[in-house]
Amino acid sequence: MKKAEITTGAVCVVFFSFMLIQGFDLLGVKRSGDVGSGFWPVISLLACVGLSVAWMIMTVVESRKAGKKPAAPPTPEEVAAIWDRRRKVGLSMICLFLYIVVIPWIGFVPSTFLFVFAFAVSLGERRKLVLAVSPFLVTAIVVAVFAKFITIPFPKGVGVFAAFSRLFYQ
């Protein structure tokens, strides 16, 4: 049985369920005529809980179909692939942590730009066009949708970064 996948699925279900319960508190915070700031997080978290439960069920069904076959030792290529995936996950987590730490000081726009670039590199992206265009595109889309369309304020940063951020939010 794939105990690690089932455990990970269970942890995801518990985490997303906890966040969903917290998200329900945001549903009441809204202006008249708005869906409120809690609407999309609740919808997203409902999807995450559902997908996590589906993943757990699929893993259990798959492991029962496989039966109790003895596991063959991994080949050197499989071991290298496992370590490569772990490295990518570790680098991605470091990028996310640094993004969260840096965003209050340098603001949303510059930190998101840097995060998208660093995240793509950490996942192994090497195409120069993708690395050059994706930070601009992702940052522009997120600012346009959230700051302009939904009017959710983003951190502006401190000092010169605050002045730079104001160019995007007016």
N, C-alpha and C. Protein backbone atom coordinates (compact mmCIF):
# COMPACT_ATOMS: atom_id res chain seq x y z
N MET A 1 0.85 -1.18 0.00
CA MET A 1 0.00 0.00 0.00
C MET A 1 0.89 1.24 0.00
N LYS A 2 0.47 2.24 -0.67
CA LYS A 2 1.24 3.47 -0.76
C LYS A 2 0.93 4.33 0.46
N LYS A 3 1.55 3.97 1.57
CA LYS A 3 1.24 4.65 2.83
C LYS A 3 1.63 6.12 2.82
N ALA A 4 2.73 6.44 2.15
CA ALA A 4 3.17 7.84 2.12
C ALA A 4 2.17 8.71 1.37
N GLU A 5 1.63 8.21 0.26
CA GLU A 5 0.65 8.99 -0.50
C GLU A 5 -0.66 9.14 0.27
N ILE A 6 -1.07 8.07 0.93
CA ILE A 6 -2.31 8.14 1.71
C ILE A 6 -2.13 9.10 2.87
N THR A 7 -0.99 9.06 3.54
CA THR A 7 -0.71 9.98 4.64
C THR A 7 -0.68 11.41 4.15
N THR A 8 -0.03 11.64 3.02
CA THR A 8 0.02 12.99 2.46
C THR A 8 -1.37 13.48 2.09
N GLY A 9 -2.17 12.61 1.51
CA GLY A 9 -3.54 12.97 1.18
C GLY A 9 -4.34 13.32 2.42
N ALA A 10 -4.17 12.55 3.49
CA ALA A 10 -4.88 12.82 4.74
C ALA A 10 -4.45 14.15 5.34
N VAL A 11 -3.15 14.43 5.29
CA VAL A 11 -2.65 15.71 5.80
C VAL A 11 -3.24 16.86 4.98
N CYS A 12 -3.32 16.69 3.67
CA CYS A 12 -3.91 17.72 2.80
C CYS A 12 -5.38 17.94 3.14
N VAL A 13 -6.13 16.85 3.33
CA VAL A 13 -7.55 16.98 3.67
C VAL A 13 -7.71 17.74 4.99
N VAL A 14 -6.91 17.38 6.00
CA VAL A 14 -7.01 18.05 7.30
C VAL A 14 -6.63 19.53 7.16
N PHE A 15 -5.53 19.81 6.48
CA PHE A 15 -5.08 21.20 6.33
C PHE A 15 -6.11 22.04 5.58
N PHE A 16 -6.57 21.56 4.43
CA PHE A 16 -7.53 22.34 3.64
C PHE A 16 -8.87 22.46 4.35
N SER A 17 -9.25 21.44 5.11
CA SER A 17 -10.50 21.54 5.88
C SER A 17 -10.38 22.61 6.96
N PHE A 18 -9.23 22.65 7.63
CA PHE A 18 -9.00 23.68 8.64
C PHE A 18 -9.05 25.07 8.01
N MET A 19 -8.38 25.23 6.88
CA MET A 19 -8.38 26.51 6.20
C MET A 19 -9.78 26.88 5.71
N LEU A 20 -10.56 25.89 5.29
CA LEU A 20 -11.93 26.13 4.85
C LEU A 20 -12.78 26.65 6.00
N ILE A 21 -12.62 26.06 7.16
CA ILE A 21 -13.36 26.53 8.34
C ILE A 21 -12.98 27.98 8.65
N GLN A 22 -11.69 28.30 8.54
CA GLN A 22 -11.25 29.68 8.75
C GLN A 22 -11.80 30.60 7.66
N GLY A 23 -11.89 30.10 6.45
CA GLY A 23 -12.38 30.89 5.33
C GLY A 23 -13.85 31.26 5.45
N PHE A 24 -14.63 30.41 6.13
CA PHE A 24 -16.04 30.72 6.32
C PHE A 24 -16.23 31.99 7.14
N ASP A 25 -15.25 32.32 7.99
CA ASP A 25 -15.34 33.56 8.77
C ASP A 25 -15.26 34.79 7.87
N LEU A 26 -14.63 34.67 6.71
CA LEU A 26 -14.49 35.79 5.80
C LEU A 26 -15.74 36.04 4.95
N LEU A 27 -16.64 35.07 4.91
CA LEU A 27 -17.82 35.22 4.04
C LEU A 27 -18.70 36.39 4.46
N GLY A 28 -18.76 36.69 5.73
CA GLY A 28 -19.62 37.78 6.19
C GLY A 28 -19.03 39.15 6.00
N VAL A 29 -17.74 39.24 5.68
CA VAL A 29 -17.06 40.53 5.52
C VAL A 29 -17.20 40.97 4.07
N LYS A 30 -18.13 41.90 3.81
CA LYS A 30 -18.30 42.37 2.44
C LYS A 30 -19.06 43.69 2.43
N ARG A 31 -18.93 44.37 1.31
CA ARG A 31 -19.70 45.57 1.06
C ARG A 31 -20.99 45.16 0.37
N SER A 32 -21.98 46.02 0.41
CA SER A 32 -23.23 45.65 -0.25
C SER A 32 -23.00 45.53 -1.76
N GLY A 33 -23.53 44.48 -2.33
CA GLY A 33 -23.39 44.25 -3.76
C GLY A 33 -22.15 43.45 -4.13
N ASP A 34 -21.25 43.19 -3.19
CA ASP A 34 -20.04 42.41 -3.45
C ASP A 34 -20.23 40.98 -2.98
N VAL A 35 -19.48 40.07 -3.58
CA VAL A 35 -19.51 38.69 -3.12
C VAL A 35 -18.70 38.53 -1.84
N GLY A 36 -17.83 39.48 -1.55
CA GLY A 36 -17.02 39.43 -0.34
C GLY A 36 -15.66 38.83 -0.57
N SER A 37 -14.77 39.12 0.34
CA SER A 37 -13.40 38.65 0.18
C SER A 37 -13.24 37.18 0.50
N GLY A 38 -14.24 36.55 1.11
CA GLY A 38 -14.14 35.15 1.45
C GLY A 38 -14.70 34.21 0.40
N PHE A 39 -15.35 34.73 -0.62
CA PHE A 39 -16.01 33.88 -1.61
C PHE A 39 -15.01 32.99 -2.36
N TRP A 40 -14.01 33.60 -2.98
CA TRP A 40 -13.07 32.82 -3.78
C TRP A 40 -12.18 31.91 -2.94
N PRO A 41 -11.71 32.34 -1.77
CA PRO A 41 -10.96 31.38 -0.95
C PRO A 41 -11.80 30.16 -0.56
N VAL A 42 -13.06 30.37 -0.23
CA VAL A 42 -13.91 29.24 0.14
C VAL A 42 -14.11 28.30 -1.05
N ILE A 43 -14.36 28.87 -2.22
CA ILE A 43 -14.53 28.04 -3.43
C ILE A 43 -13.25 27.25 -3.71
N SER A 44 -12.10 27.92 -3.62
CA SER A 44 -10.81 27.26 -3.88
C SER A 44 -10.54 26.16 -2.86
N LEU A 45 -10.82 26.44 -1.59
CA LEU A 45 -10.56 25.45 -0.55
C LEU A 45 -11.52 24.26 -0.65
N LEU A 46 -12.76 24.52 -1.06
CA LEU A 46 -13.68 23.40 -1.30
C LEU A 46 -13.13 22.49 -2.40
N ALA A 47 -12.61 23.09 -3.46
CA ALA A 47 -12.00 22.30 -4.54
C ALA A 47 -10.79 21.53 -4.04
N CYS A 48 -9.97 22.15 -3.20
CA CYS A 48 -8.78 21.48 -2.66
C CYS A 48 -9.16 20.29 -1.78
N VAL A 49 -10.16 20.47 -0.94
CA VAL A 49 -10.62 19.36 -0.09
C VAL A 49 -11.15 18.23 -0.97
N GLY A 50 -11.96 18.57 -1.95
CA GLY A 50 -12.50 17.55 -2.84
C GLY A 50 -11.43 16.80 -3.61
N LEU A 51 -10.47 17.53 -4.15
CA LEU A 51 -9.39 16.88 -4.89
C LEU A 51 -8.51 16.03 -3.99
N SER A 52 -8.28 16.47 -2.76
CA SER A 52 -7.48 15.68 -1.82
C SER A 52 -8.18 14.38 -1.44
N VAL A 53 -9.49 14.46 -1.21
CA VAL A 53 -10.26 13.25 -0.91
C VAL A 53 -10.24 12.31 -2.11
N ALA A 54 -10.42 12.85 -3.31
CA ALA A 54 -10.39 12.02 -4.52
C ALA A 54 -9.03 11.36 -4.69
N TRP A 55 -7.97 12.10 -4.41
CA TRP A 55 -6.62 11.54 -4.51
C TRP A 55 -6.43 10.38 -3.53
N MET A 56 -6.90 10.56 -2.29
CA MET A 56 -6.79 9.49 -1.30
C MET A 56 -7.56 8.26 -1.74
N ILE A 57 -8.78 8.45 -2.23
CA ILE A 57 -9.60 7.32 -2.66
C ILE A 57 -8.93 6.60 -3.83
N MET A 58 -8.43 7.35 -4.80
CA MET A 58 -7.77 6.73 -5.95
C MET A 58 -6.52 5.95 -5.51
N THR A 59 -5.78 6.48 -4.55
CA THR A 59 -4.58 5.80 -4.07
C THR A 59 -4.94 4.50 -3.36
N VAL A 60 -5.98 4.52 -2.54
CA VAL A 60 -6.40 3.31 -1.83
C VAL A 60 -6.89 2.26 -2.82
N VAL A 61 -7.71 2.66 -3.78
CA VAL A 61 -8.23 1.73 -4.79
C VAL A 61 -7.08 1.14 -5.61
N GLU A 62 -6.16 1.99 -6.00
CA GLU A 62 -5.02 1.54 -6.80
C GLU A 62 -4.14 0.56 -6.03
N SER A 63 -3.92 0.82 -4.75
CA SER A 63 -3.08 -0.07 -3.96
C SER A 63 -3.77 -1.40 -3.70
N ARG A 64 -5.09 -1.39 -3.58
CA ARG A 64 -5.82 -2.66 -3.39
C ARG A 64 -5.80 -3.50 -4.66
N LYS A 65 -5.84 -2.84 -5.81
CA LYS A 65 -5.77 -3.56 -7.08
C LYS A 65 -4.40 -4.20 -7.26
N ALA A 66 -3.37 -3.50 -6.83
CA ALA A 66 -2.00 -4.00 -6.99
C ALA A 66 -1.75 -5.22 -6.12
N GLY A 67 -2.47 -5.31 -5.00
CA GLY A 67 -2.31 -6.46 -4.12
C GLY A 67 -1.05 -6.36 -3.29
N LYS A 68 -0.56 -7.52 -2.90
CA LYS A 68 0.60 -7.58 -2.02
C LYS A 68 1.84 -8.06 -2.78
N LYS A 69 2.10 -7.47 -3.93
CA LYS A 69 3.29 -7.82 -4.69
C LYS A 69 4.52 -7.31 -3.96
N PRO A 70 5.59 -8.10 -3.93
CA PRO A 70 6.81 -7.59 -3.31
C PRO A 70 7.40 -6.46 -4.15
N ALA A 71 7.82 -5.43 -3.48
CA ALA A 71 8.35 -4.27 -4.18
C ALA A 71 9.78 -4.55 -4.64
N ALA A 72 10.04 -4.23 -5.89
CA ALA A 72 11.39 -4.39 -6.43
C ALA A 72 12.25 -3.22 -5.97
N PRO A 73 13.52 -3.45 -5.75
CA PRO A 73 14.38 -2.33 -5.35
C PRO A 73 14.46 -1.30 -6.46
N PRO A 74 14.52 -0.03 -6.09
CA PRO A 74 14.56 1.02 -7.12
C PRO A 74 15.87 0.99 -7.91
N THR A 75 15.75 1.33 -9.18
CA THR A 75 16.93 1.41 -10.02
C THR A 75 17.66 2.72 -9.73
N PRO A 76 18.92 2.82 -10.14
CA PRO A 76 19.64 4.08 -9.92
C PRO A 76 18.97 5.28 -10.57
N GLU A 77 18.31 5.06 -11.71
CA GLU A 77 17.60 6.16 -12.38
C GLU A 77 16.41 6.61 -11.55
N GLU A 78 15.70 5.66 -10.95
CA GLU A 78 14.56 6.00 -10.09
C GLU A 78 15.01 6.76 -8.85
N VAL A 79 16.12 6.34 -8.27
CA VAL A 79 16.66 7.03 -7.10
C VAL A 79 17.06 8.46 -7.46
N ALA A 80 17.71 8.62 -8.62
CA ALA A 80 18.10 9.96 -9.06
C ALA A 80 16.87 10.83 -9.31
N ALA A 81 15.82 10.25 -9.89
CA ALA A 81 14.59 11.01 -10.14
C ALA A 81 13.93 11.42 -8.83
N ILE A 82 13.95 10.54 -7.84
CA ILE A 82 13.37 10.88 -6.52
C ILE A 82 14.13 12.04 -5.90
N TRP A 83 15.46 11.98 -5.94
CA TRP A 83 16.25 13.07 -5.36
C TRP A 83 16.06 14.37 -6.12
N ASP A 84 15.89 14.30 -7.44
CA ASP A 84 15.65 15.50 -8.24
C ASP A 84 14.31 16.13 -7.85
N ARG A 85 13.28 15.32 -7.68
CA ARG A 85 11.98 15.84 -7.26
C ARG A 85 12.07 16.47 -5.87
N ARG A 86 12.79 15.82 -4.97
CA ARG A 86 12.94 16.37 -3.61
C ARG A 86 13.69 17.71 -3.63
N ARG A 87 14.70 17.80 -4.50
CA ARG A 87 15.44 19.05 -4.61
C ARG A 87 14.53 20.16 -5.13
N LYS A 88 13.72 19.84 -6.13
CA LYS A 88 12.80 20.84 -6.69
C LYS A 88 11.77 21.28 -5.65
N VAL A 89 11.26 20.34 -4.88
CA VAL A 89 10.29 20.70 -3.83
C VAL A 89 10.96 21.57 -2.77
N GLY A 90 12.16 21.19 -2.36
CA GLY A 90 12.88 21.98 -1.36
C GLY A 90 13.17 23.40 -1.84
N LEU A 91 13.65 23.53 -3.06
CA LEU A 91 13.92 24.86 -3.61
C LEU A 91 12.64 25.67 -3.75
N SER A 92 11.56 25.01 -4.14
CA SER A 92 10.27 25.70 -4.27
C SER A 92 9.79 26.21 -2.93
N MET A 93 9.96 25.41 -1.88
CA MET A 93 9.56 25.84 -0.55
C MET A 93 10.40 27.01 -0.06
N ILE A 94 11.68 26.99 -0.36
CA ILE A 94 12.56 28.10 0.00
C ILE A 94 12.12 29.37 -0.73
N CYS A 95 11.80 29.25 -2.02
CA CYS A 95 11.32 30.41 -2.79
C CYS A 95 10.05 30.97 -2.19
N LEU A 96 9.12 30.11 -1.83
CA LEU A 96 7.85 30.56 -1.24
C LEU A 96 8.09 31.23 0.11
N PHE A 97 8.95 30.65 0.93
CA PHE A 97 9.26 31.25 2.23
C PHE A 97 9.88 32.63 2.06
N LEU A 98 10.84 32.76 1.16
CA LEU A 98 11.47 34.06 0.93
C LEU A 98 10.47 35.07 0.38
N TYR A 99 9.57 34.63 -0.47
CA TYR A 99 8.52 35.50 -1.02
C TYR A 99 7.66 36.06 0.11
N ILE A 100 7.25 35.20 1.02
CA ILE A 100 6.41 35.63 2.13
C ILE A 100 7.15 36.59 3.05
N VAL A 101 8.44 36.33 3.27
CA VAL A 101 9.24 37.19 4.15
C VAL A 101 9.50 38.56 3.51
N VAL A 102 9.75 38.60 2.21
CA VAL A 102 10.19 39.81 1.53
C VAL A 102 9.03 40.73 1.13
N ILE A 103 7.85 40.17 0.90
CA ILE A 103 6.73 40.95 0.35
C ILE A 103 6.37 42.19 1.18
N PRO A 104 6.42 42.17 2.51
CA PRO A 104 6.08 43.41 3.23
C PRO A 104 7.08 44.54 3.00
N TRP A 105 8.33 44.21 2.73
CA TRP A 105 9.35 45.24 2.59
C TRP A 105 9.45 45.81 1.17
N ILE A 106 9.40 44.93 0.17
CA ILE A 106 9.58 45.45 -1.18
C ILE A 106 8.27 45.53 -1.95
N GLY A 107 7.19 45.08 -1.35
CA GLY A 107 5.89 45.21 -1.99
C GLY A 107 5.54 44.01 -2.86
N PHE A 108 4.29 44.00 -3.29
CA PHE A 108 3.77 42.87 -4.04
C PHE A 108 4.37 42.75 -5.43
N VAL A 109 4.42 43.82 -6.18
CA VAL A 109 4.83 43.75 -7.58
C VAL A 109 6.28 43.27 -7.73
N PRO A 110 7.26 43.90 -7.08
CA PRO A 110 8.63 43.41 -7.27
C PRO A 110 8.85 42.00 -6.71
N SER A 111 8.25 41.72 -5.55
CA SER A 111 8.46 40.40 -4.96
C SER A 111 7.80 39.30 -5.78
N THR A 112 6.64 39.57 -6.36
CA THR A 112 5.98 38.57 -7.21
C THR A 112 6.79 38.34 -8.47
N PHE A 113 7.30 39.42 -9.05
CA PHE A 113 8.15 39.30 -10.23
C PHE A 113 9.35 38.40 -9.94
N LEU A 114 10.04 38.67 -8.83
CA LEU A 114 11.21 37.87 -8.47
C LEU A 114 10.83 36.44 -8.11
N PHE A 115 9.70 36.28 -7.42
CA PHE A 115 9.25 34.95 -7.03
C PHE A 115 8.96 34.08 -8.25
N VAL A 116 8.24 34.61 -9.22
CA VAL A 116 7.89 33.82 -10.41
C VAL A 116 9.16 33.37 -11.13
N PHE A 117 10.11 34.28 -11.26
CA PHE A 117 11.37 33.93 -11.92
C PHE A 117 12.11 32.84 -11.14
N ALA A 118 12.28 33.05 -9.82
CA ALA A 118 13.02 32.08 -9.00
C ALA A 118 12.30 30.74 -8.93
N PHE A 119 10.98 30.77 -8.86
CA PHE A 119 10.21 29.53 -8.80
C PHE A 119 10.36 28.73 -10.09
N ALA A 120 10.32 29.42 -11.23
CA ALA A 120 10.49 28.73 -12.52
C ALA A 120 11.88 28.12 -12.61
N VAL A 121 12.90 28.84 -12.18
CA VAL A 121 14.26 28.32 -12.21
C VAL A 121 14.38 27.12 -11.28
N SER A 122 13.78 27.21 -10.08
CA SER A 122 13.88 26.10 -9.12
C SER A 122 13.18 24.84 -9.63
N LEU A 123 12.17 25.01 -10.48
CA LEU A 123 11.49 23.84 -11.05
C LEU A 123 12.21 23.29 -12.27
N GLY A 124 13.28 23.95 -12.69
CA GLY A 124 14.09 23.42 -13.78
C GLY A 124 13.85 24.07 -15.13
N GLU A 125 13.11 25.15 -15.16
CA GLU A 125 12.86 25.85 -16.44
C GLU A 125 14.16 26.52 -16.90
N ARG A 126 14.53 26.27 -18.16
CA ARG A 126 15.77 26.84 -18.69
C ARG A 126 15.55 27.65 -19.96
N ARG A 127 14.33 27.63 -20.53
CA ARG A 127 14.08 28.38 -21.75
C ARG A 127 14.09 29.87 -21.44
N LYS A 128 14.96 30.59 -22.14
CA LYS A 128 15.15 32.02 -21.87
C LYS A 128 13.88 32.84 -22.10
N LEU A 129 13.12 32.51 -23.13
CA LEU A 129 11.90 33.25 -23.43
C LEU A 129 10.88 33.09 -22.29
N VAL A 130 10.72 31.88 -21.80
CA VAL A 130 9.78 31.64 -20.70
C VAL A 130 10.25 32.37 -19.45
N LEU A 131 11.55 32.31 -19.16
CA LEU A 131 12.07 32.99 -17.97
C LEU A 131 11.98 34.51 -18.09
N ALA A 132 12.01 35.02 -19.30
CA ALA A 132 11.94 36.47 -19.50
C ALA A 132 10.50 36.98 -19.49
N VAL A 133 9.57 36.21 -20.03
CA VAL A 133 8.19 36.68 -20.20
C VAL A 133 7.30 36.34 -19.01
N SER A 134 7.45 35.16 -18.43
CA SER A 134 6.51 34.71 -17.40
C SER A 134 6.45 35.61 -16.16
N PRO A 135 7.55 36.15 -15.64
CA PRO A 135 7.40 37.05 -14.48
C PRO A 135 6.56 38.29 -14.79
N PHE A 136 6.78 38.89 -15.98
CA PHE A 136 5.99 40.05 -16.37
C PHE A 136 4.52 39.68 -16.52
N LEU A 137 4.27 38.60 -17.23
CA LEU A 137 2.91 38.18 -17.53
C LEU A 137 2.12 37.80 -16.27
N VAL A 138 2.70 36.97 -15.42
CA VAL A 138 2.01 36.54 -14.20
C VAL A 138 1.74 37.73 -13.29
N THR A 139 2.75 38.57 -13.08
CA THR A 139 2.57 39.74 -12.21
C THR A 139 1.51 40.67 -12.77
N ALA A 140 1.54 40.93 -14.06
CA ALA A 140 0.55 41.82 -14.67
C ALA A 140 -0.86 41.27 -14.56
N ILE A 141 -1.03 39.98 -14.79
CA ILE A 141 -2.36 39.37 -14.71
C ILE A 141 -2.89 39.42 -13.28
N VAL A 142 -2.05 39.08 -12.32
CA VAL A 142 -2.49 39.08 -10.92
C VAL A 142 -2.85 40.49 -10.47
N VAL A 143 -2.03 41.47 -10.81
CA VAL A 143 -2.34 42.86 -10.43
C VAL A 143 -3.61 43.33 -11.12
N ALA A 144 -3.76 43.00 -12.39
CA ALA A 144 -4.95 43.44 -13.12
C ALA A 144 -6.21 42.82 -12.53
N VAL A 145 -6.17 41.55 -12.24
CA VAL A 145 -7.37 40.87 -11.74
C VAL A 145 -7.68 41.29 -10.30
N PHE A 146 -6.68 41.21 -9.43
CA PHE A 146 -6.96 41.42 -8.01
C PHE A 146 -6.94 42.88 -7.60
N ALA A 147 -5.97 43.63 -8.06
CA ALA A 147 -5.87 45.02 -7.62
C ALA A 147 -6.84 45.93 -8.38
N LYS A 148 -7.01 45.70 -9.67
CA LYS A 148 -7.86 46.57 -10.47
C LYS A 148 -9.31 46.09 -10.51
N PHE A 149 -9.53 44.81 -10.82
CA PHE A 149 -10.87 44.29 -11.03
C PHE A 149 -11.59 44.01 -9.70
N ILE A 150 -10.94 43.28 -8.81
CA ILE A 150 -11.58 42.91 -7.55
C ILE A 150 -11.28 43.93 -6.45
N THR A 151 -10.36 44.81 -6.67
CA THR A 151 -9.92 45.88 -5.75
C THR A 151 -9.48 45.35 -4.39
N ILE A 152 -8.61 44.36 -4.41
CA ILE A 152 -7.98 43.87 -3.18
C ILE A 152 -6.64 44.56 -3.07
N PRO A 153 -6.38 45.25 -1.97
CA PRO A 153 -5.10 45.95 -1.83
C PRO A 153 -3.95 44.97 -1.58
N PHE A 154 -2.82 45.27 -2.18
CA PHE A 154 -1.62 44.47 -1.98
C PHE A 154 -0.61 45.26 -1.17
N PRO A 155 0.33 44.57 -0.51
CA PRO A 155 1.40 45.28 0.20
C PRO A 155 2.20 46.14 -0.78
N LYS A 156 2.47 47.37 -0.37
CA LYS A 156 3.17 48.30 -1.26
C LYS A 156 4.66 48.39 -0.98
N GLY A 157 5.11 47.90 0.14
CA GLY A 157 6.52 47.96 0.46
C GLY A 157 6.86 49.19 1.26
N VAL A 158 8.15 49.42 1.42
CA VAL A 158 8.65 50.52 2.23
C VAL A 158 9.58 51.38 1.39
N GLY A 159 9.53 52.68 1.61
CA GLY A 159 10.46 53.61 0.95
C GLY A 159 10.26 53.69 -0.55
N VAL A 160 11.35 53.51 -1.27
CA VAL A 160 11.32 53.62 -2.73
C VAL A 160 10.40 52.56 -3.33
N PHE A 161 10.28 51.41 -2.68
CA PHE A 161 9.40 50.36 -3.18
C PHE A 161 7.94 50.77 -3.08
N ALA A 162 7.59 51.51 -2.04
CA ALA A 162 6.21 52.00 -1.91
C ALA A 162 5.88 52.98 -3.04
N ALA A 163 6.83 53.86 -3.35
CA ALA A 163 6.62 54.80 -4.45
C ALA A 163 6.49 54.05 -5.78
N PHE A 164 7.30 53.02 -5.96
CA PHE A 164 7.23 52.21 -7.18
C PHE A 164 5.88 51.48 -7.27
N SER A 165 5.41 50.93 -6.16
CA SER A 165 4.15 50.19 -6.15
C SER A 165 2.96 51.07 -6.46
N ARG A 166 3.01 52.33 -6.03
CA ARG A 166 1.90 53.23 -6.28
C ARG A 166 1.66 53.46 -7.78
N LEU A 167 2.68 53.24 -8.58
CA LEU A 167 2.52 53.38 -10.03
C LEU A 167 1.53 52.35 -10.58
N PHE A 168 1.40 51.21 -9.91
CA PHE A 168 0.55 50.14 -10.40
C PHE A 168 -0.85 50.14 -9.81
N TYR A 169 -1.06 50.86 -8.72
CA TYR A 169 -2.34 50.78 -8.02
C TYR A 169 -3.21 52.00 -8.18
N GLN A 170 -2.84 52.95 -9.00
CA GLN A 170 -3.68 54.14 -9.14
C GLN A 170 -4.49 54.13 -10.39
